[in-house]
Amino acid sequence: ILGREVGNNKMLRDVRFENCQLDYAKMCELNFDDCKIVRSRLMGADLSNSSFYGADLSESDLANVLHDRTNFENANLQGANLDSIDITALSGIRNMKVSESQLAAIISKFGIHVVPG
């Protein structure tokens, strides 16, 4: 059993995807809290209205994912492809972990340009 339903929330527990191709997967309106989806490709996947609280998505390709109202609080996104993520569309980012090399791209979404030096 991967998960259970509590009210209208579908919760997945003890899920681990590693080196998986999940392109265009419908993963919307699900709870992936504390799950591991590492070094996986989710290109174009629908993550809308989902929660990844405390999840590990490190080194995953999140290119062109649908992410309206997605929660990444306490999630590990270090090394993940976040180029197409509009940080302002997310419902939660508190304590989200990213690599130092990802900061300039994230900050630029707010119209701030990072100048080296």
Protein backbone atom coordinates (compact mmCIF):
# COMPACT_ATOMS: atom_id res chain seq x y z
CA ILE A 1 0.00 0.00 0.00
CA LEU A 2 1.56 3.27 -1.11
CA GLY A 3 -0.87 5.60 0.55
CA ARG A 4 -4.25 6.33 1.99
CA GLU A 5 -7.01 8.87 1.66
CA VAL A 6 -7.84 11.21 4.54
CA GLY A 7 -10.85 13.35 3.76
CA ASN A 8 -10.21 14.71 0.29
CA ASN A 9 -6.42 14.42 0.63
CA LYS A 10 -4.64 11.53 -1.00
CA MET A 11 -1.49 10.80 0.98
CA LEU A 12 1.47 8.75 -0.19
CA ARG A 13 3.76 7.31 2.44
CA ASP A 14 7.16 5.65 2.28
CA VAL A 15 7.43 6.34 -1.44
CA ARG A 16 10.86 6.40 -3.05
CA PHE A 17 11.57 7.05 -6.70
CA GLU A 18 15.22 7.08 -7.74
CA ASN A 19 16.45 7.58 -11.30
CA CYS A 20 12.87 7.33 -12.58
CA GLN A 21 11.29 8.96 -15.61
CA LEU A 22 7.98 10.50 -14.57
CA ASP A 23 7.55 12.86 -17.53
CA TYR A 24 4.04 14.32 -17.84
CA ALA A 25 2.83 12.33 -14.81
CA LYS A 26 -0.38 13.50 -13.19
CA MET A 27 0.78 14.08 -9.63
CA CYS A 28 -1.61 16.91 -8.79
CA GLU A 29 -3.59 17.23 -5.57
CA LEU A 30 -1.51 14.59 -3.80
CA ASN A 31 0.48 14.65 -0.58
CA PHE A 32 4.10 13.54 -1.11
CA ASP A 33 5.26 14.75 2.31
CA ASP A 34 8.59 13.19 3.34
CA CYS A 35 8.79 11.12 0.13
CA LYS A 36 12.01 10.70 -1.85
CA ILE A 37 11.97 11.46 -5.58
CA VAL A 38 15.70 11.80 -6.24
CA ARG A 39 17.65 12.04 -9.49
CA SER A 40 14.37 11.59 -11.38
CA ARG A 41 12.92 13.30 -14.42
CA LEU A 42 9.50 14.92 -14.00
CA MET A 43 9.50 17.05 -17.13
CA GLY A 44 6.03 18.50 -17.73
CA ALA A 45 4.51 16.66 -14.76
CA ASP A 46 1.47 18.20 -13.07
CA LEU A 47 2.38 18.94 -9.44
CA SER A 48 -0.39 21.52 -8.95
CA ASN A 49 -1.96 21.71 -5.51
CA SER A 50 0.35 18.99 -4.21
CA SER A 51 2.46 19.01 -1.07
CA PHE A 52 6.10 17.97 -0.97
CA TYR A 53 6.66 19.07 2.66
CA GLY A 54 9.99 17.62 3.78
CA ALA A 55 10.34 15.64 0.54
CA ASP A 56 13.68 14.99 -1.12
CA LEU A 57 13.66 16.00 -4.81
CA SER A 58 17.40 16.55 -5.01
CA GLU A 59 19.00 16.41 -8.45
CA SER A 60 15.62 15.90 -10.13
CA ASP A 61 14.62 17.55 -13.40
CA LEU A 62 11.55 19.70 -12.80
CA ALA A 63 11.59 21.33 -16.24
CA ASN A 64 8.22 22.73 -17.30
CA VAL A 65 6.29 21.16 -14.42
CA LEU A 66 2.88 22.59 -13.59
CA HIS A 67 3.32 23.91 -10.05
CA ASP A 68 0.50 26.28 -9.17
CA ARG A 69 -0.05 26.24 -5.37
CA THR A 70 2.55 23.48 -4.83
CA ASN A 71 4.07 23.30 -1.35
CA PHE A 72 7.85 22.80 -1.12
CA GLU A 73 8.26 23.73 2.57
CA ASN A 74 11.25 21.93 4.14
CA ALA A 75 11.82 20.12 0.81
CA ASN A 76 15.33 19.35 -0.43
CA LEU A 77 15.65 20.71 -3.98
CA GLN A 78 19.45 20.86 -4.04
CA GLY A 79 20.74 20.35 -7.56
CA ALA A 80 17.23 20.12 -9.04
CA ASN A 81 16.40 21.88 -12.29
CA LEU A 82 14.27 24.80 -11.11
CA ASP A 83 14.65 26.99 -14.21
CA SER A 84 10.95 26.97 -15.09
CA ILE A 85 9.67 27.24 -11.50
CA ASP A 86 7.85 30.50 -10.71
CA ILE A 87 8.61 30.76 -7.01
CA THR A 88 5.69 33.17 -6.53
CA ALA A 89 3.21 30.50 -7.72
CA LEU A 90 4.15 28.11 -4.91
CA SER A 91 2.07 27.85 -1.75
CA GLY A 92 5.02 27.19 0.54
CA ILE A 93 8.80 27.66 0.38
CA ARG A 94 9.79 28.11 4.04
CA ASN A 95 13.02 26.21 4.80
CA MET A 96 13.22 24.91 1.22
CA LYS A 97 16.78 23.71 0.65
CA VAL A 98 18.59 24.68 -2.56
CA SER A 99 22.21 24.74 -3.67
CA GLU A 100 24.15 27.99 -3.62
CA SER A 101 24.47 27.73 -7.41
CA GLN A 102 20.64 27.80 -7.72
CA LEU A 103 20.17 31.04 -5.78
CA ALA A 104 20.80 33.50 -8.62
CA ALA A 105 18.14 31.87 -10.83
CA ILE A 106 15.62 31.82 -7.97
CA ILE A 107 16.26 35.41 -6.93
CA SER A 108 16.01 36.60 -10.54
CA LYS A 109 12.35 35.47 -10.54
CA PHE A 110 11.74 38.43 -8.21
CA GLY A 111 13.38 40.84 -10.66
CA ILE A 112 16.61 40.99 -8.67
CA HIS A 113 19.85 40.50 -10.60
CA VAL A 114 22.74 38.93 -8.75
CA VAL A 115 26.08 40.50 -9.66
CA PRO A 116 29.17 38.43 -8.84
CA GLY A 117 31.78 39.98 -6.59
